[in-house]
Amino acid sequence: MATFKLAQSDRFVAALLKSGAVGVIPTDTLYGLVGSALARKTVERIYILRRRTPEKPMIILIASLRDLALFGVKPTAGEKTILQKWWPGKVSVILKCPSKKFAYLHRGSKALAFRMPDSAHLRALLAKTGPLVAPSANFEGEPPARTIAEAKRYFGESIEFYGDAGRRVSKPSTIVKIENGKSTVLREGAVKI
């Protein structure tokens, strides 16, 4: 288990995440417990580590709109217009994902929440790693870790690495569902809509 300043270690972190590792890194909002969204075993491990309700899907961080295609998600022209208004940004958007192949992510809801972070550094890392699941770094129902020391109290030696970027003070992302061309705010967070 390693702890390091994130900006100096992007190549190392990308290699770890692509190999199926789980770690804590700063997102554009809070510290996240992250792993490859395309690796089923990694996703299941994060559910266990985080003590997360198995039926609850996680937010997926993406580098660009093109990444949605990896999940068989094809936004309509109207949805793309809405997404381009909010992204990059601290808004997580729920879109339909009916594919059985991704049931381990959508947990039967047939929808996934995506966010294109407003951090250019994080988007560059995502371009190397591919999409990452990124729930906040805490046990479900507990306060989110705002420092690496707090994250270590939750996960200790049970994960491969911690990327330290100092204290995080943002609210969690705002969650919006887009259905039939209409947007509904499910959680008001860092962005007021």
N, C-alpha and C. Protein backbone atom coordinates (compact mmCIF):
# COMPACT_ATOMS: atom_id res chain seq x y z
N MET A 1 0.85 -1.18 0.00
CA MET A 1 0.00 0.00 0.00
C MET A 1 0.89 1.24 0.00
N ALA A 2 0.66 2.12 -0.95
CA ALA A 2 1.50 3.32 -1.10
C ALA A 2 0.68 4.58 -0.90
N THR A 3 1.34 5.63 -0.39
CA THR A 3 0.73 6.96 -0.28
C THR A 3 1.68 7.93 -0.97
N PHE A 4 1.13 8.79 -1.82
CA PHE A 4 1.99 9.73 -2.56
C PHE A 4 1.19 10.93 -2.99
N LYS A 5 1.90 11.98 -3.41
CA LYS A 5 1.26 13.16 -3.98
C LYS A 5 0.79 12.78 -5.38
N LEU A 6 -0.47 13.00 -5.67
CA LEU A 6 -1.04 12.46 -6.89
C LEU A 6 -0.42 13.01 -8.16
N ALA A 7 -0.26 14.30 -8.28
CA ALA A 7 0.19 14.90 -9.54
C ALA A 7 1.52 14.33 -10.03
N GLN A 8 2.37 13.87 -9.09
CA GLN A 8 3.68 13.35 -9.48
C GLN A 8 3.62 11.89 -9.91
N SER A 9 2.49 11.23 -9.78
CA SER A 9 2.44 9.78 -9.93
C SER A 9 1.37 9.28 -10.89
N ASP A 10 0.94 10.11 -11.83
CA ASP A 10 -0.17 9.73 -12.71
C ASP A 10 0.07 8.42 -13.47
N ARG A 11 1.28 8.26 -14.00
CA ARG A 11 1.57 7.05 -14.78
C ARG A 11 1.46 5.80 -13.91
N PHE A 12 2.00 5.91 -12.71
CA PHE A 12 1.97 4.81 -11.74
C PHE A 12 0.52 4.49 -11.37
N VAL A 13 -0.27 5.51 -11.05
CA VAL A 13 -1.68 5.33 -10.68
C VAL A 13 -2.46 4.72 -11.83
N ALA A 14 -2.25 5.21 -13.05
CA ALA A 14 -2.96 4.68 -14.21
C ALA A 14 -2.65 3.20 -14.39
N ALA A 15 -1.39 2.82 -14.25
CA ALA A 15 -0.99 1.41 -14.40
C ALA A 15 -1.65 0.55 -13.33
N LEU A 16 -1.68 1.05 -12.08
CA LEU A 16 -2.32 0.31 -11.00
C LEU A 16 -3.80 0.09 -11.28
N LEU A 17 -4.49 1.18 -11.66
CA LEU A 17 -5.94 1.09 -11.89
C LEU A 17 -6.26 0.19 -13.08
N LYS A 18 -5.45 0.24 -14.11
CA LYS A 18 -5.69 -0.63 -15.27
C LYS A 18 -5.46 -2.10 -14.94
N SER A 19 -4.64 -2.36 -13.90
CA SER A 19 -4.37 -3.75 -13.51
C SER A 19 -5.43 -4.29 -12.55
N GLY A 20 -6.43 -3.45 -12.20
CA GLY A 20 -7.51 -3.90 -11.32
C GLY A 20 -7.39 -3.44 -9.88
N ALA A 21 -6.39 -2.59 -9.59
CA ALA A 21 -6.19 -2.09 -8.23
C ALA A 21 -7.32 -1.15 -7.81
N VAL A 22 -7.44 -0.97 -6.50
CA VAL A 22 -8.39 -0.03 -5.91
C VAL A 22 -7.59 0.96 -5.08
N GLY A 23 -7.94 2.25 -5.18
CA GLY A 23 -7.24 3.26 -4.41
C GLY A 23 -8.13 4.43 -4.08
N VAL A 24 -7.59 5.36 -3.33
CA VAL A 24 -8.29 6.60 -2.99
C VAL A 24 -7.57 7.73 -3.70
N ILE A 25 -8.33 8.54 -4.46
CA ILE A 25 -7.76 9.71 -5.12
C ILE A 25 -8.73 10.89 -4.95
N PRO A 26 -8.21 12.11 -5.10
CA PRO A 26 -9.13 13.25 -5.07
C PRO A 26 -9.90 13.30 -6.38
N THR A 27 -11.19 13.52 -6.30
CA THR A 27 -11.97 13.77 -7.51
C THR A 27 -12.16 15.28 -7.59
N ASP A 28 -13.06 15.74 -8.42
CA ASP A 28 -13.33 17.18 -8.50
C ASP A 28 -14.21 17.64 -7.34
N THR A 29 -14.70 16.68 -6.54
CA THR A 29 -15.52 17.05 -5.38
C THR A 29 -14.82 16.58 -4.10
N LEU A 30 -14.93 15.30 -3.80
CA LEU A 30 -14.37 14.73 -2.57
C LEU A 30 -13.31 13.68 -2.93
N TYR A 31 -12.70 13.07 -1.92
CA TYR A 31 -11.86 11.89 -2.18
C TYR A 31 -12.79 10.76 -2.59
N GLY A 32 -12.37 10.00 -3.59
CA GLY A 32 -13.16 8.87 -4.06
C GLY A 32 -12.40 7.56 -3.89
N LEU A 33 -13.14 6.49 -3.62
CA LEU A 33 -12.58 5.14 -3.63
C LEU A 33 -12.77 4.65 -5.06
N VAL A 34 -11.67 4.51 -5.80
CA VAL A 34 -11.80 4.31 -7.25
C VAL A 34 -11.24 2.99 -7.74
N GLY A 35 -11.82 2.54 -8.86
CA GLY A 35 -11.36 1.35 -9.55
C GLY A 35 -11.98 1.34 -10.93
N SER A 36 -11.48 0.48 -11.80
CA SER A 36 -11.97 0.44 -13.18
C SER A 36 -13.45 0.05 -13.24
N ALA A 37 -14.24 0.87 -13.92
CA ALA A 37 -15.66 0.58 -14.09
C ALA A 37 -15.88 -0.58 -15.05
N LEU A 38 -14.85 -0.93 -15.82
CA LEU A 38 -14.97 -2.00 -16.81
C LEU A 38 -14.47 -3.34 -16.27
N ALA A 39 -14.06 -3.37 -15.01
CA ALA A 39 -13.57 -4.60 -14.38
C ALA A 39 -14.56 -5.04 -13.30
N ARG A 40 -15.36 -6.03 -13.61
CA ARG A 40 -16.43 -6.48 -12.72
C ARG A 40 -15.90 -6.83 -11.31
N LYS A 41 -14.79 -7.57 -11.23
CA LYS A 41 -14.24 -7.98 -9.92
C LYS A 41 -13.84 -6.76 -9.09
N THR A 42 -13.28 -5.75 -9.75
CA THR A 42 -12.87 -4.53 -9.05
C THR A 42 -14.10 -3.82 -8.49
N VAL A 43 -15.14 -3.72 -9.29
CA VAL A 43 -16.39 -3.06 -8.85
C VAL A 43 -16.98 -3.80 -7.65
N GLU A 44 -17.02 -5.14 -7.73
CA GLU A 44 -17.58 -5.92 -6.62
C GLU A 44 -16.75 -5.74 -5.35
N ARG A 45 -15.43 -5.65 -5.52
CA ARG A 45 -14.55 -5.43 -4.36
C ARG A 45 -14.83 -4.09 -3.69
N ILE A 46 -15.09 -3.06 -4.51
CA ILE A 46 -15.39 -1.73 -3.95
C ILE A 46 -16.70 -1.76 -3.16
N TYR A 47 -17.69 -2.52 -3.65
CA TYR A 47 -18.94 -2.66 -2.88
C TYR A 47 -18.65 -3.22 -1.49
N ILE A 48 -17.78 -4.24 -1.43
CA ILE A 48 -17.46 -4.88 -0.15
C ILE A 48 -16.65 -3.92 0.73
N LEU A 49 -15.61 -3.32 0.17
CA LEU A 49 -14.76 -2.41 0.94
C LEU A 49 -15.55 -1.25 1.54
N ARG A 50 -16.49 -0.74 0.75
CA ARG A 50 -17.23 0.45 1.17
C ARG A 50 -18.47 0.11 2.00
N ARG A 51 -18.76 -1.20 2.10
CA ARG A 51 -19.96 -1.66 2.81
C ARG A 51 -21.21 -1.04 2.19
N ARG A 52 -21.22 -1.02 0.87
CA ARG A 52 -22.27 -0.34 0.12
C ARG A 52 -23.46 -1.28 -0.12
N THR A 53 -24.66 -0.72 -0.05
CA THR A 53 -25.87 -1.48 -0.36
C THR A 53 -25.73 -2.05 -1.77
N PRO A 54 -25.85 -3.38 -1.94
CA PRO A 54 -25.60 -4.00 -3.24
C PRO A 54 -26.51 -3.50 -4.37
N GLU A 55 -27.70 -3.02 -4.03
CA GLU A 55 -28.63 -2.57 -5.08
C GLU A 55 -28.34 -1.15 -5.58
N LYS A 56 -27.44 -0.44 -4.92
CA LYS A 56 -27.18 0.97 -5.25
C LYS A 56 -26.07 1.13 -6.27
N PRO A 57 -26.38 1.63 -7.48
CA PRO A 57 -25.30 1.86 -8.46
C PRO A 57 -24.34 2.97 -7.98
N MET A 58 -23.13 2.96 -8.55
CA MET A 58 -22.13 3.97 -8.22
C MET A 58 -21.96 4.95 -9.38
N ILE A 59 -21.45 6.13 -9.06
CA ILE A 59 -21.14 7.13 -10.09
C ILE A 59 -19.88 6.70 -10.83
N ILE A 60 -19.89 6.91 -12.15
CA ILE A 60 -18.75 6.56 -13.01
C ILE A 60 -18.16 7.85 -13.56
N LEU A 61 -16.86 8.02 -13.36
CA LEU A 61 -16.16 9.19 -13.90
C LEU A 61 -15.67 8.87 -15.30
N ILE A 62 -15.88 9.81 -16.23
CA ILE A 62 -15.45 9.62 -17.63
C ILE A 62 -14.60 10.80 -18.08
N ALA A 63 -13.77 10.56 -19.09
CA ALA A 63 -12.89 11.61 -19.62
C ALA A 63 -13.57 12.45 -20.68
N SER A 64 -14.50 11.84 -21.43
CA SER A 64 -15.17 12.56 -22.52
C SER A 64 -16.51 11.92 -22.83
N LEU A 65 -17.32 12.61 -23.62
CA LEU A 65 -18.63 12.07 -24.02
C LEU A 65 -18.48 10.74 -24.76
N ARG A 66 -17.35 10.57 -25.46
CA ARG A 66 -17.12 9.32 -26.21
C ARG A 66 -17.12 8.10 -25.29
N ASP A 67 -16.73 8.29 -24.03
CA ASP A 67 -16.67 7.16 -23.10
C ASP A 67 -18.04 6.53 -22.84
N LEU A 68 -19.11 7.28 -23.05
CA LEU A 68 -20.46 6.73 -22.82
C LEU A 68 -20.70 5.52 -23.72
N ALA A 69 -20.13 5.54 -24.91
CA ALA A 69 -20.32 4.44 -25.88
C ALA A 69 -19.76 3.12 -25.33
N LEU A 70 -18.76 3.17 -24.45
CA LEU A 70 -18.20 1.96 -23.86
C LEU A 70 -19.25 1.18 -23.07
N PHE A 71 -20.30 1.87 -22.65
CA PHE A 71 -21.38 1.27 -21.86
C PHE A 71 -22.65 1.08 -22.68
N GLY A 72 -22.54 1.29 -23.99
CA GLY A 72 -23.71 1.18 -24.86
C GLY A 72 -24.71 2.30 -24.65
N VAL A 73 -24.26 3.41 -24.06
CA VAL A 73 -25.13 4.55 -23.80
C VAL A 73 -25.00 5.52 -24.97
N LYS A 74 -26.14 5.79 -25.62
CA LYS A 74 -26.14 6.68 -26.78
C LYS A 74 -27.10 7.83 -26.52
N PRO A 75 -26.58 8.95 -25.99
CA PRO A 75 -27.48 10.07 -25.71
C PRO A 75 -28.10 10.64 -27.00
N THR A 76 -29.33 11.08 -26.89
CA THR A 76 -29.99 11.74 -28.03
C THR A 76 -29.33 13.11 -28.22
N ALA A 77 -29.66 13.76 -29.33
CA ALA A 77 -29.12 15.10 -29.59
C ALA A 77 -29.50 16.05 -28.46
N GLY A 78 -30.74 15.96 -27.98
CA GLY A 78 -31.20 16.81 -26.89
C GLY A 78 -30.44 16.54 -25.60
N GLU A 79 -30.21 15.24 -25.31
CA GLU A 79 -29.46 14.88 -24.10
C GLU A 79 -28.02 15.38 -24.20
N LYS A 80 -27.43 15.26 -25.39
CA LYS A 80 -26.05 15.75 -25.58
C LYS A 80 -25.95 17.24 -25.30
N THR A 81 -26.95 18.01 -25.74
CA THR A 81 -26.98 19.45 -25.49
C THR A 81 -26.99 19.73 -23.99
N ILE A 82 -27.82 18.97 -23.25
CA ILE A 82 -27.90 19.13 -21.79
C ILE A 82 -26.55 18.77 -21.16
N LEU A 83 -25.97 17.65 -21.58
CA LEU A 83 -24.69 17.20 -21.01
C LEU A 83 -23.58 18.21 -21.26
N GLN A 84 -23.55 18.78 -22.45
CA GLN A 84 -22.51 19.76 -22.77
C GLN A 84 -22.66 21.05 -21.97
N LYS A 85 -23.87 21.31 -21.50
CA LYS A 85 -24.11 22.48 -20.65
C LYS A 85 -23.52 22.26 -19.25
N TRP A 86 -23.60 21.03 -18.75
CA TRP A 86 -23.17 20.72 -17.38
C TRP A 86 -21.75 20.18 -17.29
N TRP A 87 -21.24 19.63 -18.37
CA TRP A 87 -19.92 18.97 -18.35
C TRP A 87 -18.90 19.74 -19.15
N PRO A 88 -17.62 19.74 -18.73
CA PRO A 88 -17.17 19.20 -17.46
C PRO A 88 -17.74 19.98 -16.29
N GLY A 89 -18.00 19.27 -15.20
CA GLY A 89 -18.57 19.94 -14.03
C GLY A 89 -18.91 18.96 -12.93
N LYS A 90 -19.40 19.50 -11.83
CA LYS A 90 -19.70 18.70 -10.63
C LYS A 90 -21.15 18.21 -10.65
N VAL A 91 -21.58 17.76 -11.83
CA VAL A 91 -22.94 17.25 -12.00
C VAL A 91 -22.85 15.81 -12.50
N SER A 92 -23.44 14.89 -11.74
CA SER A 92 -23.51 13.49 -12.15
C SER A 92 -24.88 13.27 -12.78
N VAL A 93 -24.88 12.67 -13.97
CA VAL A 93 -26.11 12.55 -14.74
C VAL A 93 -26.47 11.07 -14.94
N ILE A 94 -27.70 10.73 -14.61
CA ILE A 94 -28.18 9.35 -14.76
C ILE A 94 -28.79 9.21 -16.16
N LEU A 95 -28.25 8.23 -16.90
CA LEU A 95 -28.70 7.94 -18.26
C LEU A 95 -29.07 6.46 -18.37
N LYS A 96 -29.98 6.13 -19.28
CA LYS A 96 -30.40 4.74 -19.47
C LYS A 96 -29.24 3.89 -19.97
N CYS A 97 -29.12 2.69 -19.38
CA CYS A 97 -28.11 1.71 -19.80
C CYS A 97 -28.76 0.33 -19.66
N PRO A 98 -29.54 -0.08 -20.66
CA PRO A 98 -30.30 -1.33 -20.52
C PRO A 98 -29.48 -2.61 -20.67
N SER A 99 -28.20 -2.52 -21.08
CA SER A 99 -27.40 -3.70 -21.37
C SER A 99 -27.20 -4.61 -20.16
N LYS A 100 -27.50 -5.91 -20.35
CA LYS A 100 -27.30 -6.90 -19.28
C LYS A 100 -25.81 -7.04 -18.96
N LYS A 101 -24.98 -6.77 -19.95
CA LYS A 101 -23.53 -6.85 -19.77
C LYS A 101 -23.06 -5.96 -18.61
N PHE A 102 -23.78 -4.85 -18.37
CA PHE A 102 -23.39 -3.90 -17.32
C PHE A 102 -24.29 -3.97 -16.09
N ALA A 103 -24.96 -5.11 -15.92
CA ALA A 103 -25.82 -5.29 -14.74
C ALA A 103 -25.01 -5.17 -13.45
N TYR A 104 -23.72 -5.55 -13.48
CA TYR A 104 -22.88 -5.43 -12.29
C TYR A 104 -22.67 -3.96 -11.90
N LEU A 105 -22.93 -3.04 -12.84
CA LEU A 105 -22.85 -1.61 -12.55
C LEU A 105 -24.22 -1.01 -12.27
N HIS A 106 -25.22 -1.33 -13.12
CA HIS A 106 -26.53 -0.68 -12.92
C HIS A 106 -27.41 -1.39 -11.90
N ARG A 107 -26.98 -2.59 -11.46
CA ARG A 107 -27.63 -3.30 -10.36
C ARG A 107 -29.13 -3.48 -10.58
N GLY A 108 -29.52 -3.69 -11.85
CA GLY A 108 -30.93 -3.91 -12.17
C GLY A 108 -31.72 -2.65 -12.45
N SER A 109 -31.12 -1.48 -12.22
CA SER A 109 -31.84 -0.22 -12.45
C SER A 109 -31.88 0.14 -13.94
N LYS A 110 -31.00 -0.50 -14.73
CA LYS A 110 -30.89 -0.23 -16.18
C LYS A 110 -30.59 1.23 -16.47
N ALA A 111 -29.86 1.86 -15.54
CA ALA A 111 -29.43 3.25 -15.71
C ALA A 111 -28.10 3.41 -14.97
N LEU A 112 -27.25 4.31 -15.47
CA LEU A 112 -25.96 4.58 -14.84
C LEU A 112 -25.76 6.07 -14.66
N ALA A 113 -25.06 6.44 -13.59
CA ALA A 113 -24.74 7.85 -13.33
C ALA A 113 -23.31 8.11 -13.78
N PHE A 114 -23.14 9.11 -14.64
CA PHE A 114 -21.82 9.48 -15.16
C PHE A 114 -21.50 10.91 -14.77
N ARG A 115 -20.20 11.18 -14.63
CA ARG A 115 -19.75 12.57 -14.45
C ARG A 115 -18.44 12.77 -15.20
N MET A 116 -18.38 13.88 -15.93
CA MET A 116 -17.13 14.30 -16.53
C MET A 116 -16.60 15.41 -15.64
N PRO A 117 -15.56 15.09 -14.83
CA PRO A 117 -15.10 16.05 -13.81
C PRO A 117 -14.60 17.36 -14.40
N ASP A 118 -14.72 18.43 -13.62
CA ASP A 118 -14.23 19.73 -14.11
C ASP A 118 -12.74 19.91 -13.87
N SER A 119 -12.06 18.91 -13.33
CA SER A 119 -10.61 18.95 -13.15
C SER A 119 -9.94 18.42 -14.41
N ALA A 120 -9.19 19.28 -15.10
CA ALA A 120 -8.48 18.87 -16.32
C ALA A 120 -7.47 17.77 -15.99
N HIS A 121 -6.84 17.87 -14.83
CA HIS A 121 -5.86 16.86 -14.41
C HIS A 121 -6.53 15.50 -14.26
N LEU A 122 -7.71 15.46 -13.63
CA LEU A 122 -8.43 14.20 -13.45
C LEU A 122 -8.92 13.65 -14.78
N ARG A 123 -9.39 14.51 -15.68
CA ARG A 123 -9.81 14.03 -17.01
C ARG A 123 -8.63 13.42 -17.77
N ALA A 124 -7.44 14.01 -17.62
CA ALA A 124 -6.25 13.46 -18.28
C ALA A 124 -5.92 12.08 -17.70
N LEU A 125 -6.08 11.92 -16.39
CA LEU A 125 -5.85 10.61 -15.78
C LEU A 125 -6.88 9.60 -16.29
N LEU A 126 -8.15 10.02 -16.37
CA LEU A 126 -9.22 9.14 -16.87
C LEU A 126 -8.99 8.73 -18.33
N ALA A 127 -8.39 9.60 -19.12
CA ALA A 127 -8.07 9.25 -20.50
C ALA A 127 -7.07 8.10 -20.54
N LYS A 128 -6.22 8.00 -19.50
CA LYS A 128 -5.23 6.91 -19.42
C LYS A 128 -5.85 5.64 -18.82
N THR A 129 -6.70 5.80 -17.81
CA THR A 129 -7.21 4.64 -17.08
C THR A 129 -8.48 4.05 -17.68
N GLY A 130 -9.25 4.87 -18.39
CA GLY A 130 -10.60 4.48 -18.76
C GLY A 130 -11.54 4.87 -17.64
N PRO A 131 -12.85 4.70 -17.82
CA PRO A 131 -13.82 5.12 -16.80
C PRO A 131 -13.59 4.44 -15.45
N LEU A 132 -13.82 5.20 -14.39
CA LEU A 132 -13.62 4.70 -13.02
C LEU A 132 -14.91 4.84 -12.21
N VAL A 133 -15.25 3.81 -11.44
CA VAL A 133 -16.30 4.00 -10.43
C VAL A 133 -15.64 4.81 -9.32
N ALA A 134 -16.40 5.72 -8.72
CA ALA A 134 -15.77 6.64 -7.77
C ALA A 134 -16.72 7.08 -6.66
N PRO A 135 -17.22 6.12 -5.84
CA PRO A 135 -18.01 6.57 -4.69
C PRO A 135 -17.10 7.31 -3.72
N SER A 136 -17.68 8.14 -2.87
CA SER A 136 -16.86 8.87 -1.90
C SER A 136 -16.12 7.88 -0.98
N ALA A 137 -14.96 8.31 -0.50
CA ALA A 137 -14.09 7.44 0.29
C ALA A 137 -14.56 7.39 1.75
N ASN A 138 -15.52 6.52 2.01
CA ASN A 138 -16.06 6.31 3.35
C ASN A 138 -16.92 5.06 3.31
N PHE A 139 -17.26 4.55 4.49
CA PHE A 139 -18.24 3.48 4.56
C PHE A 139 -19.61 4.12 4.33
N GLU A 140 -20.50 3.38 3.72
CA GLU A 140 -21.84 3.92 3.44
C GLU A 140 -22.47 4.42 4.74
N GLY A 141 -23.02 5.64 4.66
CA GLY A 141 -23.70 6.23 5.81
C GLY A 141 -22.79 7.00 6.75
N GLU A 142 -21.46 6.91 6.54
CA GLU A 142 -20.49 7.62 7.37
C GLU A 142 -20.05 8.91 6.66
N PRO A 143 -19.44 9.87 7.36
CA PRO A 143 -19.00 11.11 6.71
C PRO A 143 -17.90 10.84 5.69
N PRO A 144 -17.92 11.55 4.55
CA PRO A 144 -16.87 11.35 3.55
C PRO A 144 -15.51 11.81 4.06
N ALA A 145 -14.47 11.06 3.68
CA ALA A 145 -13.10 11.44 4.06
C ALA A 145 -12.73 12.75 3.36
N ARG A 146 -12.22 13.70 4.13
CA ARG A 146 -11.78 14.97 3.55
C ARG A 146 -10.26 15.05 3.48
N THR A 147 -9.59 14.08 4.13
CA THR A 147 -8.13 14.00 4.08
C THR A 147 -7.75 12.53 3.89
N ILE A 148 -6.49 12.29 3.51
CA ILE A 148 -6.01 10.91 3.36
C ILE A 148 -6.00 10.20 4.72
N ALA A 149 -5.67 10.93 5.78
CA ALA A 149 -5.69 10.31 7.13
C ALA A 149 -7.08 9.77 7.44
N GLU A 150 -8.13 10.54 7.09
CA GLU A 150 -9.51 10.07 7.32
C GLU A 150 -9.82 8.87 6.44
N ALA A 151 -9.38 8.89 5.19
CA ALA A 151 -9.61 7.75 4.28
C ALA A 151 -8.93 6.50 4.82
N LYS A 152 -7.73 6.67 5.37
CA LYS A 152 -7.00 5.52 5.92
C LYS A 152 -7.71 4.92 7.13
N ARG A 153 -8.43 5.74 7.86
CA ARG A 153 -9.20 5.22 9.00
C ARG A 153 -10.30 4.28 8.50
N TYR A 154 -10.81 4.55 7.32
CA TYR A 154 -11.83 3.66 6.73
C TYR A 154 -11.19 2.41 6.11
N PHE A 155 -10.16 2.58 5.29
CA PHE A 155 -9.70 1.48 4.45
C PHE A 155 -8.33 0.91 4.79
N GLY A 156 -7.55 1.63 5.61
CA GLY A 156 -6.27 1.10 6.08
C GLY A 156 -5.42 0.47 5.00
N GLU A 157 -5.01 -0.77 5.23
CA GLU A 157 -4.12 -1.51 4.31
C GLU A 157 -4.93 -2.34 3.30
N SER A 158 -6.24 -2.19 3.28
CA SER A 158 -7.07 -3.07 2.43
C SER A 158 -7.13 -2.63 0.97
N ILE A 159 -6.50 -1.48 0.64
CA ILE A 159 -6.46 -1.03 -0.75
C ILE A 159 -5.01 -0.82 -1.17
N GLU A 160 -4.79 -0.65 -2.48
CA GLU A 160 -3.42 -0.62 -2.99
C GLU A 160 -2.71 0.73 -2.85
N PHE A 161 -3.46 1.84 -2.88
CA PHE A 161 -2.77 3.13 -2.82
C PHE A 161 -3.69 4.27 -2.38
N TYR A 162 -3.04 5.36 -1.95
CA TYR A 162 -3.72 6.61 -1.58
C TYR A 162 -3.02 7.74 -2.33
N GLY A 163 -3.76 8.53 -3.08
CA GLY A 163 -3.21 9.71 -3.76
C GLY A 163 -3.59 10.96 -2.99
N ASP A 164 -2.63 11.60 -2.38
CA ASP A 164 -2.88 12.71 -1.47
C ASP A 164 -2.87 14.05 -2.21
N ALA A 165 -3.90 14.83 -2.01
CA ALA A 165 -3.96 16.18 -2.58
C ALA A 165 -4.44 17.18 -1.53
N GLY A 166 -4.11 16.91 -0.27
CA GLY A 166 -4.51 17.83 0.78
C GLY A 166 -5.98 17.69 1.13
N ARG A 167 -6.49 18.62 1.90
CA ARG A 167 -7.89 18.59 2.36
C ARG A 167 -8.85 18.89 1.22
N ARG A 168 -9.94 18.14 1.13
CA ARG A 168 -11.00 18.37 0.13
C ARG A 168 -12.19 18.98 0.87
N VAL A 169 -12.73 20.08 0.35
CA VAL A 169 -13.82 20.74 1.08
C VAL A 169 -15.11 20.90 0.27
N SER A 170 -15.16 20.34 -0.91
CA SER A 170 -16.34 20.49 -1.76
C SER A 170 -17.52 19.67 -1.23
N LYS A 171 -18.71 20.07 -1.65
CA LYS A 171 -19.90 19.23 -1.45
C LYS A 171 -19.83 18.10 -2.48
N PRO A 172 -20.60 17.03 -2.27
CA PRO A 172 -20.66 15.99 -3.31
C PRO A 172 -21.32 16.55 -4.57
N SER A 173 -21.23 15.79 -5.65
CA SER A 173 -21.81 16.26 -6.91
C SER A 173 -23.33 16.34 -6.82
N THR A 174 -23.90 17.20 -7.65
CA THR A 174 -25.34 17.25 -7.84
C THR A 174 -25.71 16.07 -8.73
N ILE A 175 -26.79 15.36 -8.42
CA ILE A 175 -27.22 14.22 -9.24
C ILE A 175 -28.51 14.57 -9.95
N VAL A 176 -28.48 14.38 -11.27
CA VAL A 176 -29.63 14.71 -12.11
C VAL A 176 -29.99 13.49 -12.95
N LYS A 177 -31.27 13.23 -13.10
CA LYS A 177 -31.73 12.14 -13.98
C LYS A 177 -32.31 12.75 -15.23
N ILE A 178 -31.90 12.24 -16.39
CA ILE A 178 -32.49 12.69 -17.66
C ILE A 178 -33.34 11.55 -18.20
N GLU A 179 -34.62 11.84 -18.39
CA GLU A 179 -35.55 10.84 -18.92
C GLU A 179 -36.57 11.52 -19.81
N ASN A 180 -36.72 10.98 -21.01
CA ASN A 180 -37.67 11.54 -21.98
C ASN A 180 -37.46 13.04 -22.18
N GLY A 181 -36.19 13.44 -22.24
CA GLY A 181 -35.86 14.84 -22.51
C GLY A 181 -36.04 15.78 -21.32
N LYS A 182 -36.45 15.23 -20.17
CA LYS A 182 -36.65 16.07 -18.98
C LYS A 182 -35.58 15.76 -17.94
N SER A 183 -35.11 16.80 -17.23
CA SER A 183 -34.12 16.63 -16.17
C SER A 183 -34.78 16.78 -14.81
N THR A 184 -34.44 15.88 -13.90
CA THR A 184 -34.94 15.95 -12.53
C THR A 184 -33.76 15.90 -11.59
N VAL A 185 -33.65 16.86 -10.67
CA VAL A 185 -32.57 16.88 -9.69
C VAL A 185 -32.92 15.90 -8.57
N LEU A 186 -32.05 14.89 -8.37
CA LEU A 186 -32.27 13.90 -7.32
C LEU A 186 -31.50 14.24 -6.05
N ARG A 187 -30.36 14.94 -6.22
CA ARG A 187 -29.58 15.39 -5.07
C ARG A 187 -28.93 16.72 -5.43
N GLU A 188 -29.22 17.74 -4.63
CA GLU A 188 -28.55 19.00 -4.87
C GLU A 188 -27.23 18.96 -4.11
N GLY A 189 -26.14 19.19 -4.82
CA GLY A 189 -24.82 19.13 -4.22
C GLY A 189 -24.03 20.39 -4.55
N ALA A 190 -22.86 20.18 -5.17
CA ALA A 190 -21.93 21.26 -5.44
C ALA A 190 -22.45 22.28 -6.44
N VAL A 191 -23.39 21.87 -7.31
CA VAL A 191 -23.91 22.76 -8.35
C VAL A 191 -25.40 22.93 -8.15
N LYS A 192 -25.86 24.18 -8.16
CA LYS A 192 -27.31 24.46 -8.04
C LYS A 192 -27.89 24.49 -9.46
N ILE A 193 -28.94 23.69 -9.67
CA ILE A 193 -29.58 23.64 -11.00
C ILE A 193 -31.01 24.13 -10.87
